[in-house]
Amino acid sequence: MKRRRFLNSTLYLFGLTLGLPLLGRARGLAEVPREEGTQSWLTWSEEEWRQRLPEDRFRILRLEETEPPFSSPLLHEKRQGHYCCAGCELPLFTSTMKYDSGTGWPSFTSALPERLGTRTDSKLFYPRTEYHCIRCRGHQGHLFDDGPQPLKKRYCNNGLALVFKPGEV
């Protein structure tokens, strides 16, 4: 029995390793042009992204790192406005979607429609749902099913992956 479990686990992990890049494309991380007739966000090289972003934002948005908990000034942002991708400024969330989850990262109950793509992330040896900006594919955070009622969703976002734009929602 232990041998079968080991083989099944190994095959599962091997399948995830091979299939994750394909899953990301199939579940919403498709190319979306910046504007008609302009260069696509996805054609920017790693060096171009490095030039456009501060190092800490580059590591989060492009290398999928995570900022330390309780380090984001957006954690305490209370004004009305939009939370936009720090890579391309696409609005992802509104202030009405934000709540204090107590986790140390800005959290949201929902996202603006058709703004995020998801894929499975197994970096911590168990599958989680990772989400990215649909336009530039900038890594934002992870989606969990432990949020408040009625949706029970928690979009746990890196604060450095966002910029806040105050204004009416």
N, C-alpha and C. Protein backbone atom coordinates (compact mmCIF):
# COMPACT_ATOMS: atom_id res chain seq x y z
N MET A 1 0.82 -1.20 0.00
CA MET A 1 0.00 0.00 0.00
C MET A 1 0.86 1.26 0.00
N LYS A 2 1.93 1.27 0.80
CA LYS A 2 2.82 2.43 0.86
C LYS A 2 3.49 2.66 -0.49
N ARG A 3 3.83 1.58 -1.15
CA ARG A 3 4.48 1.67 -2.45
C ARG A 3 3.54 2.31 -3.48
N ARG A 4 2.27 1.89 -3.47
CA ARG A 4 1.29 2.46 -4.41
C ARG A 4 1.09 3.94 -4.13
N ARG A 5 0.99 4.33 -2.86
CA ARG A 5 0.82 5.74 -2.51
C ARG A 5 2.03 6.55 -2.98
N PHE A 6 3.23 6.01 -2.78
CA PHE A 6 4.43 6.69 -3.23
C PHE A 6 4.43 6.87 -4.75
N LEU A 7 4.09 5.81 -5.47
CA LEU A 7 4.05 5.90 -6.93
C LEU A 7 3.00 6.90 -7.40
N ASN A 8 1.82 6.86 -6.80
CA ASN A 8 0.77 7.80 -7.18
C ASN A 8 1.19 9.24 -6.89
N SER A 9 1.82 9.47 -5.74
CA SER A 9 2.27 10.83 -5.39
C SER A 9 3.35 11.30 -6.36
N THR A 10 4.26 10.43 -6.70
CA THR A 10 5.33 10.78 -7.63
C THR A 10 4.76 11.12 -9.00
N LEU A 11 3.85 10.28 -9.48
CA LEU A 11 3.22 10.55 -10.78
C LEU A 11 2.43 11.84 -10.76
N TYR A 12 1.73 12.12 -9.67
CA TYR A 12 0.96 13.35 -9.53
C TYR A 12 1.88 14.57 -9.61
N LEU A 13 2.97 14.55 -8.84
CA LEU A 13 3.90 15.67 -8.85
C LEU A 13 4.57 15.83 -10.21
N PHE A 14 4.92 14.72 -10.85
CA PHE A 14 5.52 14.77 -12.17
C PHE A 14 4.54 15.36 -13.18
N GLY A 15 3.28 14.95 -13.09
CA GLY A 15 2.24 15.48 -13.98
C GLY A 15 2.02 16.96 -13.77
N LEU A 16 2.05 17.42 -12.52
CA LEU A 16 1.91 18.85 -12.25
C LEU A 16 3.06 19.64 -12.86
N THR A 17 4.27 19.10 -12.71
CA THR A 17 5.43 19.79 -13.25
C THR A 17 5.32 19.97 -14.76
N LEU A 18 4.87 18.94 -15.45
CA LEU A 18 4.73 19.03 -16.90
C LEU A 18 3.52 19.84 -17.33
N GLY A 19 2.45 19.76 -16.56
CA GLY A 19 1.19 20.36 -16.99
C GLY A 19 0.93 21.77 -16.55
N LEU A 20 1.64 22.30 -15.55
CA LEU A 20 1.35 23.63 -15.04
C LEU A 20 1.45 24.73 -16.08
N PRO A 21 2.49 24.75 -16.93
CA PRO A 21 2.52 25.81 -17.93
C PRO A 21 1.31 25.78 -18.85
N LEU A 22 0.83 24.61 -19.17
CA LEU A 22 -0.34 24.50 -20.04
C LEU A 22 -1.61 24.92 -19.31
N LEU A 23 -1.72 24.55 -18.02
CA LEU A 23 -2.89 24.94 -17.25
C LEU A 23 -3.02 26.45 -17.16
N GLY A 24 -1.91 27.14 -16.96
CA GLY A 24 -1.94 28.60 -16.85
C GLY A 24 -2.54 29.23 -18.09
N ARG A 25 -2.16 28.75 -19.26
CA ARG A 25 -2.70 29.32 -20.50
C ARG A 25 -4.17 28.98 -20.65
N ALA A 26 -4.54 27.78 -20.27
CA ALA A 26 -5.91 27.34 -20.48
C ALA A 26 -6.89 28.00 -19.53
N ARG A 27 -6.43 28.50 -18.38
CA ARG A 27 -7.35 29.01 -17.38
C ARG A 27 -7.34 30.52 -17.28
N GLY A 28 -6.97 31.23 -18.33
CA GLY A 28 -7.16 32.67 -18.29
C GLY A 28 -5.92 33.51 -18.44
N LEU A 29 -4.75 32.93 -18.50
CA LEU A 29 -3.55 33.73 -18.63
C LEU A 29 -3.18 33.91 -20.10
N ALA A 30 -4.16 34.26 -20.88
CA ALA A 30 -3.95 34.48 -22.31
C ALA A 30 -3.39 35.87 -22.55
N GLU A 31 -2.80 36.06 -23.71
CA GLU A 31 -2.24 37.35 -24.05
C GLU A 31 -3.34 38.36 -24.32
N VAL A 32 -3.23 39.52 -23.70
CA VAL A 32 -4.16 40.62 -23.93
C VAL A 32 -3.31 41.83 -24.31
N PRO A 33 -3.46 42.37 -25.52
CA PRO A 33 -2.63 43.50 -25.94
C PRO A 33 -2.87 44.73 -25.07
N ARG A 34 -1.86 45.56 -24.94
CA ARG A 34 -1.96 46.80 -24.17
C ARG A 34 -2.96 47.74 -24.83
N GLU A 35 -2.75 48.06 -26.05
CA GLU A 35 -3.66 48.89 -26.84
C GLU A 35 -3.54 48.40 -28.27
N GLU A 36 -4.56 48.60 -29.04
CA GLU A 36 -4.52 48.17 -30.42
C GLU A 36 -3.35 48.85 -31.14
N GLY A 37 -2.55 48.06 -31.84
CA GLY A 37 -1.44 48.59 -32.61
C GLY A 37 -0.17 48.85 -31.82
N THR A 38 -0.13 48.54 -30.53
CA THR A 38 1.08 48.76 -29.74
C THR A 38 1.68 47.41 -29.36
N GLN A 39 2.88 47.46 -28.84
CA GLN A 39 3.59 46.25 -28.45
C GLN A 39 2.86 45.56 -27.31
N SER A 40 2.77 44.24 -27.37
CA SER A 40 2.12 43.47 -26.31
C SER A 40 2.95 43.50 -25.04
N TRP A 41 2.27 43.51 -23.91
CA TRP A 41 2.95 43.45 -22.61
C TRP A 41 3.82 42.19 -22.53
N LEU A 42 3.37 41.12 -23.15
CA LEU A 42 4.08 39.85 -23.02
C LEU A 42 5.34 39.77 -23.86
N THR A 43 5.56 40.72 -24.73
CA THR A 43 6.79 40.68 -25.53
C THR A 43 7.93 41.43 -24.85
N TRP A 44 7.68 42.05 -23.71
CA TRP A 44 8.75 42.72 -23.00
C TRP A 44 9.71 41.67 -22.44
N SER A 45 10.97 41.93 -22.57
CA SER A 45 11.98 41.01 -22.05
C SER A 45 12.10 41.18 -20.53
N GLU A 46 12.80 40.25 -19.92
CA GLU A 46 13.04 40.35 -18.48
C GLU A 46 13.79 41.65 -18.17
N GLU A 47 14.74 42.01 -19.02
CA GLU A 47 15.50 43.24 -18.81
C GLU A 47 14.61 44.48 -18.90
N GLU A 48 13.65 44.50 -19.85
CA GLU A 48 12.72 45.63 -19.96
C GLU A 48 11.86 45.74 -18.70
N TRP A 49 11.40 44.60 -18.17
CA TRP A 49 10.62 44.62 -16.94
C TRP A 49 11.48 45.14 -15.78
N ARG A 50 12.73 44.71 -15.74
CA ARG A 50 13.64 45.18 -14.67
C ARG A 50 13.83 46.69 -14.73
N GLN A 51 13.88 47.25 -15.92
CA GLN A 51 14.04 48.69 -16.08
C GLN A 51 12.77 49.44 -15.69
N ARG A 52 11.61 48.84 -15.90
CA ARG A 52 10.33 49.50 -15.64
C ARG A 52 9.90 49.42 -14.17
N LEU A 53 10.37 48.41 -13.47
CA LEU A 53 9.91 48.17 -12.10
C LEU A 53 11.05 48.29 -11.09
N PRO A 54 10.77 48.82 -9.90
CA PRO A 54 11.76 48.73 -8.82
C PRO A 54 12.04 47.26 -8.51
N GLU A 55 13.20 46.97 -7.99
CA GLU A 55 13.62 45.58 -7.76
C GLU A 55 12.62 44.79 -6.92
N ASP A 56 12.10 45.38 -5.84
CA ASP A 56 11.16 44.63 -4.98
C ASP A 56 9.87 44.29 -5.73
N ARG A 57 9.37 45.21 -6.54
CA ARG A 57 8.16 44.91 -7.33
C ARG A 57 8.48 43.91 -8.44
N PHE A 58 9.65 44.00 -9.03
CA PHE A 58 10.04 43.05 -10.06
C PHE A 58 10.05 41.63 -9.50
N ARG A 59 10.63 41.45 -8.32
CA ARG A 59 10.71 40.11 -7.73
C ARG A 59 9.32 39.54 -7.47
N ILE A 60 8.37 40.37 -7.08
CA ILE A 60 7.01 39.88 -6.81
C ILE A 60 6.24 39.65 -8.11
N LEU A 61 6.21 40.67 -8.97
CA LEU A 61 5.39 40.58 -10.18
C LEU A 61 5.94 39.59 -11.21
N ARG A 62 7.24 39.52 -11.38
CA ARG A 62 7.82 38.71 -12.45
C ARG A 62 8.42 37.40 -11.95
N LEU A 63 8.94 37.37 -10.71
CA LEU A 63 9.56 36.14 -10.18
C LEU A 63 8.66 35.41 -9.20
N GLU A 64 7.48 35.96 -8.95
CA GLU A 64 6.45 35.35 -8.09
C GLU A 64 6.90 35.17 -6.65
N GLU A 65 7.68 36.12 -6.14
CA GLU A 65 8.05 36.09 -4.74
C GLU A 65 6.93 36.70 -3.90
N THR A 66 7.06 36.62 -2.59
CA THR A 66 6.06 37.16 -1.67
C THR A 66 6.71 38.15 -0.73
N GLU A 67 6.05 39.28 -0.52
CA GLU A 67 6.56 40.27 0.42
C GLU A 67 6.31 39.80 1.84
N PRO A 68 7.08 40.31 2.81
CA PRO A 68 6.83 39.94 4.21
C PRO A 68 5.45 40.40 4.67
N PRO A 69 4.79 39.63 5.52
CA PRO A 69 3.48 40.06 6.03
C PRO A 69 3.60 41.35 6.83
N PHE A 70 2.55 42.13 6.83
CA PHE A 70 2.42 43.39 7.56
C PHE A 70 3.42 44.46 7.10
N SER A 71 3.96 44.32 5.89
CA SER A 71 4.94 45.29 5.40
C SER A 71 4.35 46.27 4.38
N SER A 72 3.15 46.04 3.90
CA SER A 72 2.59 46.88 2.85
C SER A 72 1.81 48.05 3.42
N PRO A 73 2.08 49.28 2.93
CA PRO A 73 1.28 50.43 3.34
C PRO A 73 -0.18 50.30 2.88
N LEU A 74 -0.43 49.50 1.86
CA LEU A 74 -1.80 49.32 1.38
C LEU A 74 -2.66 48.52 2.35
N LEU A 75 -2.01 47.86 3.28
CA LEU A 75 -2.74 47.08 4.28
C LEU A 75 -3.69 47.98 5.07
N HIS A 76 -3.29 49.22 5.30
CA HIS A 76 -4.09 50.15 6.10
C HIS A 76 -4.78 51.21 5.26
N GLU A 77 -4.79 51.06 3.95
CA GLU A 77 -5.45 52.02 3.06
C GLU A 77 -6.96 51.93 3.24
N LYS A 78 -7.61 53.06 3.56
CA LYS A 78 -9.05 53.07 3.84
C LYS A 78 -9.84 53.95 2.86
N ARG A 79 -9.14 54.69 1.99
CA ARG A 79 -9.84 55.59 1.08
C ARG A 79 -10.57 54.83 -0.02
N GLN A 80 -11.52 55.53 -0.64
CA GLN A 80 -12.26 54.98 -1.76
C GLN A 80 -11.37 55.06 -3.00
N GLY A 81 -11.39 54.01 -3.82
CA GLY A 81 -10.60 54.02 -5.04
C GLY A 81 -10.41 52.63 -5.62
N HIS A 82 -9.43 52.54 -6.52
CA HIS A 82 -9.14 51.29 -7.21
C HIS A 82 -7.73 50.81 -6.88
N TYR A 83 -7.59 49.51 -6.76
CA TYR A 83 -6.29 48.87 -6.59
C TYR A 83 -5.92 48.30 -7.95
N CYS A 84 -4.81 48.80 -8.50
CA CYS A 84 -4.41 48.47 -9.87
C CYS A 84 -3.11 47.67 -9.87
N CYS A 85 -2.90 46.89 -10.90
CA CYS A 85 -1.65 46.14 -11.08
C CYS A 85 -0.49 47.13 -11.15
N ALA A 86 0.55 46.88 -10.38
CA ALA A 86 1.72 47.75 -10.39
C ALA A 86 2.55 47.58 -11.65
N GLY A 87 2.28 46.53 -12.43
CA GLY A 87 3.02 46.32 -13.66
C GLY A 87 2.44 47.05 -14.85
N CYS A 88 1.11 47.14 -14.91
CA CYS A 88 0.48 47.74 -16.10
C CYS A 88 -0.66 48.69 -15.77
N GLU A 89 -0.97 48.86 -14.48
CA GLU A 89 -2.01 49.76 -13.98
C GLU A 89 -3.44 49.37 -14.35
N LEU A 90 -3.66 48.11 -14.70
CA LEU A 90 -5.01 47.63 -14.93
C LEU A 90 -5.74 47.56 -13.59
N PRO A 91 -6.91 48.20 -13.43
CA PRO A 91 -7.66 48.07 -12.17
C PRO A 91 -8.07 46.61 -11.95
N LEU A 92 -7.76 46.10 -10.75
CA LEU A 92 -8.08 44.72 -10.41
C LEU A 92 -9.15 44.61 -9.34
N PHE A 93 -9.13 45.54 -8.37
CA PHE A 93 -10.05 45.52 -7.24
C PHE A 93 -10.52 46.94 -6.95
N THR A 94 -11.64 47.05 -6.24
CA THR A 94 -12.10 48.34 -5.74
C THR A 94 -12.00 48.33 -4.22
N SER A 95 -12.07 49.52 -3.64
CA SER A 95 -12.00 49.64 -2.18
C SER A 95 -13.17 48.95 -1.50
N THR A 96 -14.30 48.81 -2.18
CA THR A 96 -15.46 48.13 -1.58
C THR A 96 -15.25 46.62 -1.47
N MET A 97 -14.28 46.09 -2.19
CA MET A 97 -13.98 44.66 -2.16
C MET A 97 -12.94 44.31 -1.09
N LYS A 98 -12.28 45.32 -0.53
CA LYS A 98 -11.19 45.10 0.42
C LYS A 98 -11.74 44.84 1.82
N TYR A 99 -11.03 44.00 2.56
CA TYR A 99 -11.38 43.76 3.97
C TYR A 99 -10.12 43.37 4.73
N ASP A 100 -10.19 43.45 6.04
CA ASP A 100 -9.05 43.09 6.90
C ASP A 100 -9.16 41.62 7.25
N SER A 101 -8.29 40.83 6.63
CA SER A 101 -8.31 39.38 6.88
C SER A 101 -7.46 38.99 8.08
N GLY A 102 -6.63 39.92 8.57
CA GLY A 102 -5.75 39.62 9.69
C GLY A 102 -4.52 38.82 9.30
N THR A 103 -4.29 38.62 8.01
CA THR A 103 -3.18 37.79 7.54
C THR A 103 -1.89 38.57 7.33
N GLY A 104 -1.99 39.91 7.22
CA GLY A 104 -0.81 40.71 6.98
C GLY A 104 -0.62 41.14 5.53
N TRP A 105 -1.56 40.76 4.67
CA TRP A 105 -1.53 41.17 3.27
C TRP A 105 -2.88 41.78 2.91
N PRO A 106 -2.90 42.75 2.00
CA PRO A 106 -4.19 43.27 1.55
C PRO A 106 -5.05 42.14 1.00
N SER A 107 -6.30 42.09 1.43
CA SER A 107 -7.19 41.01 1.03
C SER A 107 -8.48 41.57 0.47
N PHE A 108 -9.05 40.83 -0.47
CA PHE A 108 -10.25 41.26 -1.19
C PHE A 108 -11.22 40.09 -1.29
N THR A 109 -12.52 40.39 -1.25
CA THR A 109 -13.55 39.34 -1.32
C THR A 109 -13.85 38.94 -2.75
N SER A 110 -13.55 39.80 -3.71
CA SER A 110 -13.80 39.51 -5.12
C SER A 110 -12.88 40.39 -5.95
N ALA A 111 -12.89 40.18 -7.25
CA ALA A 111 -12.07 40.98 -8.17
C ALA A 111 -12.96 41.54 -9.27
N LEU A 112 -12.47 42.55 -9.94
CA LEU A 112 -13.21 43.08 -11.09
C LEU A 112 -13.27 41.99 -12.16
N PRO A 113 -14.38 41.90 -12.89
CA PRO A 113 -14.54 40.82 -13.88
C PRO A 113 -13.47 40.83 -14.96
N GLU A 114 -13.03 39.64 -15.31
CA GLU A 114 -12.09 39.41 -16.41
C GLU A 114 -10.79 40.18 -16.27
N ARG A 115 -10.31 40.32 -15.04
CA ARG A 115 -9.05 41.03 -14.80
C ARG A 115 -7.94 40.10 -14.31
N LEU A 116 -8.32 38.91 -13.83
CA LEU A 116 -7.33 38.00 -13.27
C LEU A 116 -7.40 36.64 -13.96
N GLY A 117 -6.24 36.03 -14.12
CA GLY A 117 -6.15 34.66 -14.58
C GLY A 117 -5.61 33.81 -13.45
N THR A 118 -5.98 32.55 -13.41
CA THR A 118 -5.54 31.68 -12.32
C THR A 118 -4.81 30.46 -12.87
N ARG A 119 -4.03 29.87 -11.98
CA ARG A 119 -3.40 28.58 -12.26
C ARG A 119 -3.03 27.94 -10.93
N THR A 120 -2.74 26.66 -10.98
CA THR A 120 -2.38 25.93 -9.78
C THR A 120 -0.91 26.14 -9.46
N ASP A 121 -0.64 26.43 -8.20
CA ASP A 121 0.71 26.62 -7.70
C ASP A 121 0.97 25.53 -6.66
N SER A 122 2.00 24.73 -6.87
CA SER A 122 2.34 23.65 -5.93
C SER A 122 3.72 23.84 -5.33
N LYS A 123 4.19 25.06 -5.25
CA LYS A 123 5.53 25.33 -4.73
C LYS A 123 5.68 24.93 -3.26
N LEU A 124 4.59 24.93 -2.51
CA LEU A 124 4.65 24.56 -1.10
C LEU A 124 4.23 23.11 -0.88
N PHE A 125 4.28 22.29 -1.92
CA PHE A 125 3.98 20.86 -1.87
C PHE A 125 2.50 20.55 -1.69
N TYR A 126 1.66 21.55 -1.77
CA TYR A 126 0.22 21.31 -1.83
C TYR A 126 -0.35 22.35 -2.79
N PRO A 127 -1.36 21.98 -3.52
CA PRO A 127 -1.87 22.90 -4.55
C PRO A 127 -2.60 24.10 -3.96
N ARG A 128 -2.28 25.28 -4.50
CA ARG A 128 -2.97 26.52 -4.17
C ARG A 128 -3.36 27.17 -5.49
N THR A 129 -4.33 28.08 -5.45
CA THR A 129 -4.72 28.82 -6.64
C THR A 129 -3.99 30.15 -6.64
N GLU A 130 -3.15 30.33 -7.64
CA GLU A 130 -2.36 31.54 -7.80
C GLU A 130 -3.09 32.41 -8.82
N TYR A 131 -3.05 33.72 -8.65
CA TYR A 131 -3.67 34.57 -9.66
C TYR A 131 -2.72 35.67 -10.13
N HIS A 132 -2.92 36.04 -11.40
CA HIS A 132 -2.08 37.00 -12.09
C HIS A 132 -2.94 38.03 -12.80
N CYS A 133 -2.38 39.20 -13.05
CA CYS A 133 -3.04 40.21 -13.88
C CYS A 133 -3.21 39.64 -15.27
N ILE A 134 -4.40 39.74 -15.83
CA ILE A 134 -4.69 39.17 -17.13
C ILE A 134 -3.94 39.89 -18.25
N ARG A 135 -3.60 41.15 -18.03
CA ARG A 135 -2.97 41.93 -19.10
C ARG A 135 -1.45 41.71 -19.18
N CYS A 136 -0.75 41.85 -18.05
CA CYS A 136 0.72 41.75 -18.10
C CYS A 136 1.24 40.47 -17.46
N ARG A 137 0.35 39.66 -16.92
CA ARG A 137 0.69 38.42 -16.23
C ARG A 137 1.49 38.64 -14.95
N GLY A 138 1.40 39.83 -14.40
CA GLY A 138 2.09 40.11 -13.14
C GLY A 138 1.48 39.29 -12.01
N HIS A 139 2.34 38.61 -11.27
CA HIS A 139 1.89 37.79 -10.14
C HIS A 139 1.32 38.70 -9.05
N GLN A 140 0.12 38.39 -8.59
CA GLN A 140 -0.53 39.19 -7.55
C GLN A 140 -0.54 38.48 -6.21
N GLY A 141 -1.02 37.26 -6.16
CA GLY A 141 -1.13 36.54 -4.90
C GLY A 141 -1.84 35.22 -5.07
N HIS A 142 -2.54 34.80 -4.01
CA HIS A 142 -3.23 33.51 -4.01
C HIS A 142 -4.69 33.68 -3.58
N LEU A 143 -5.51 32.80 -4.09
CA LEU A 143 -6.95 32.81 -3.81
C LEU A 143 -7.27 31.65 -2.87
N PHE A 144 -7.98 31.97 -1.78
CA PHE A 144 -8.35 30.96 -0.79
C PHE A 144 -9.86 30.97 -0.59
N ASP A 145 -10.37 29.87 -0.05
CA ASP A 145 -11.82 29.73 0.20
C ASP A 145 -12.17 29.96 1.66
N ASP A 146 -11.46 30.87 2.33
CA ASP A 146 -11.72 31.12 3.75
C ASP A 146 -12.11 32.57 4.01
N GLY A 147 -12.64 33.24 3.00
CA GLY A 147 -13.05 34.63 3.15
C GLY A 147 -14.42 34.77 3.79
N PRO A 148 -14.87 36.01 3.94
CA PRO A 148 -16.17 36.24 4.58
C PRO A 148 -17.34 35.83 3.69
N GLN A 149 -18.48 35.66 4.34
CA GLN A 149 -19.72 35.34 3.63
C GLN A 149 -20.10 36.53 2.76
N PRO A 150 -20.82 36.41 1.70
CA PRO A 150 -21.41 35.19 1.18
C PRO A 150 -20.50 34.45 0.21
N LEU A 151 -19.45 35.09 -0.33
CA LEU A 151 -18.63 34.45 -1.37
C LEU A 151 -17.58 33.49 -0.80
N LYS A 152 -17.16 33.73 0.44
CA LYS A 152 -16.14 32.92 1.10
C LYS A 152 -14.83 32.87 0.33
N LYS A 153 -14.51 33.95 -0.39
CA LYS A 153 -13.26 34.04 -1.15
C LYS A 153 -12.34 35.05 -0.48
N ARG A 154 -11.04 34.76 -0.52
CA ARG A 154 -10.03 35.70 -0.03
C ARG A 154 -8.92 35.79 -1.08
N TYR A 155 -8.90 36.92 -1.77
CA TYR A 155 -7.81 37.21 -2.69
C TYR A 155 -6.72 37.83 -1.84
N CYS A 156 -5.70 37.07 -1.53
CA CYS A 156 -4.60 37.50 -0.67
C CYS A 156 -3.52 38.06 -1.57
N ASN A 157 -3.35 39.38 -1.57
CA ASN A 157 -2.52 40.07 -2.56
C ASN A 157 -1.24 40.62 -1.95
N ASN A 158 -0.17 40.59 -2.71
CA ASN A 158 1.04 41.30 -2.33
C ASN A 158 0.77 42.79 -2.51
N GLY A 159 1.03 43.58 -1.48
CA GLY A 159 0.80 45.01 -1.59
C GLY A 159 1.68 45.66 -2.65
N LEU A 160 2.91 45.19 -2.82
CA LEU A 160 3.82 45.76 -3.82
C LEU A 160 3.40 45.41 -5.25
N ALA A 161 2.51 44.47 -5.41
CA ALA A 161 2.00 44.12 -6.74
C ALA A 161 0.90 45.07 -7.17
N LEU A 162 0.48 45.98 -6.25
CA LEU A 162 -0.62 46.89 -6.52
C LEU A 162 -0.18 48.35 -6.38
N VAL A 163 -0.90 49.21 -7.05
CA VAL A 163 -0.84 50.65 -6.79
C VAL A 163 -2.26 51.09 -6.52
N PHE A 164 -2.43 52.01 -5.58
CA PHE A 164 -3.77 52.49 -5.23
C PHE A 164 -4.02 53.81 -5.92
N LYS A 165 -5.18 53.92 -6.56
CA LYS A 165 -5.59 55.16 -7.21
C LYS A 165 -6.88 55.64 -6.55
N PRO A 166 -6.79 56.67 -5.70
CA PRO A 166 -7.99 57.16 -5.03
C PRO A 166 -8.99 57.75 -6.02
N GLY A 167 -10.26 57.66 -5.65
CA GLY A 167 -11.32 58.22 -6.48
C GLY A 167 -12.61 57.45 -6.29
N GLU A 168 -13.64 57.87 -7.00
CA GLU A 168 -14.93 57.21 -6.89
C GLU A 168 -14.88 55.81 -7.46
N VAL A 169 -15.65 54.94 -6.84
CA VAL A 169 -15.71 53.55 -7.29
C VAL A 169 -16.97 53.36 -8.11
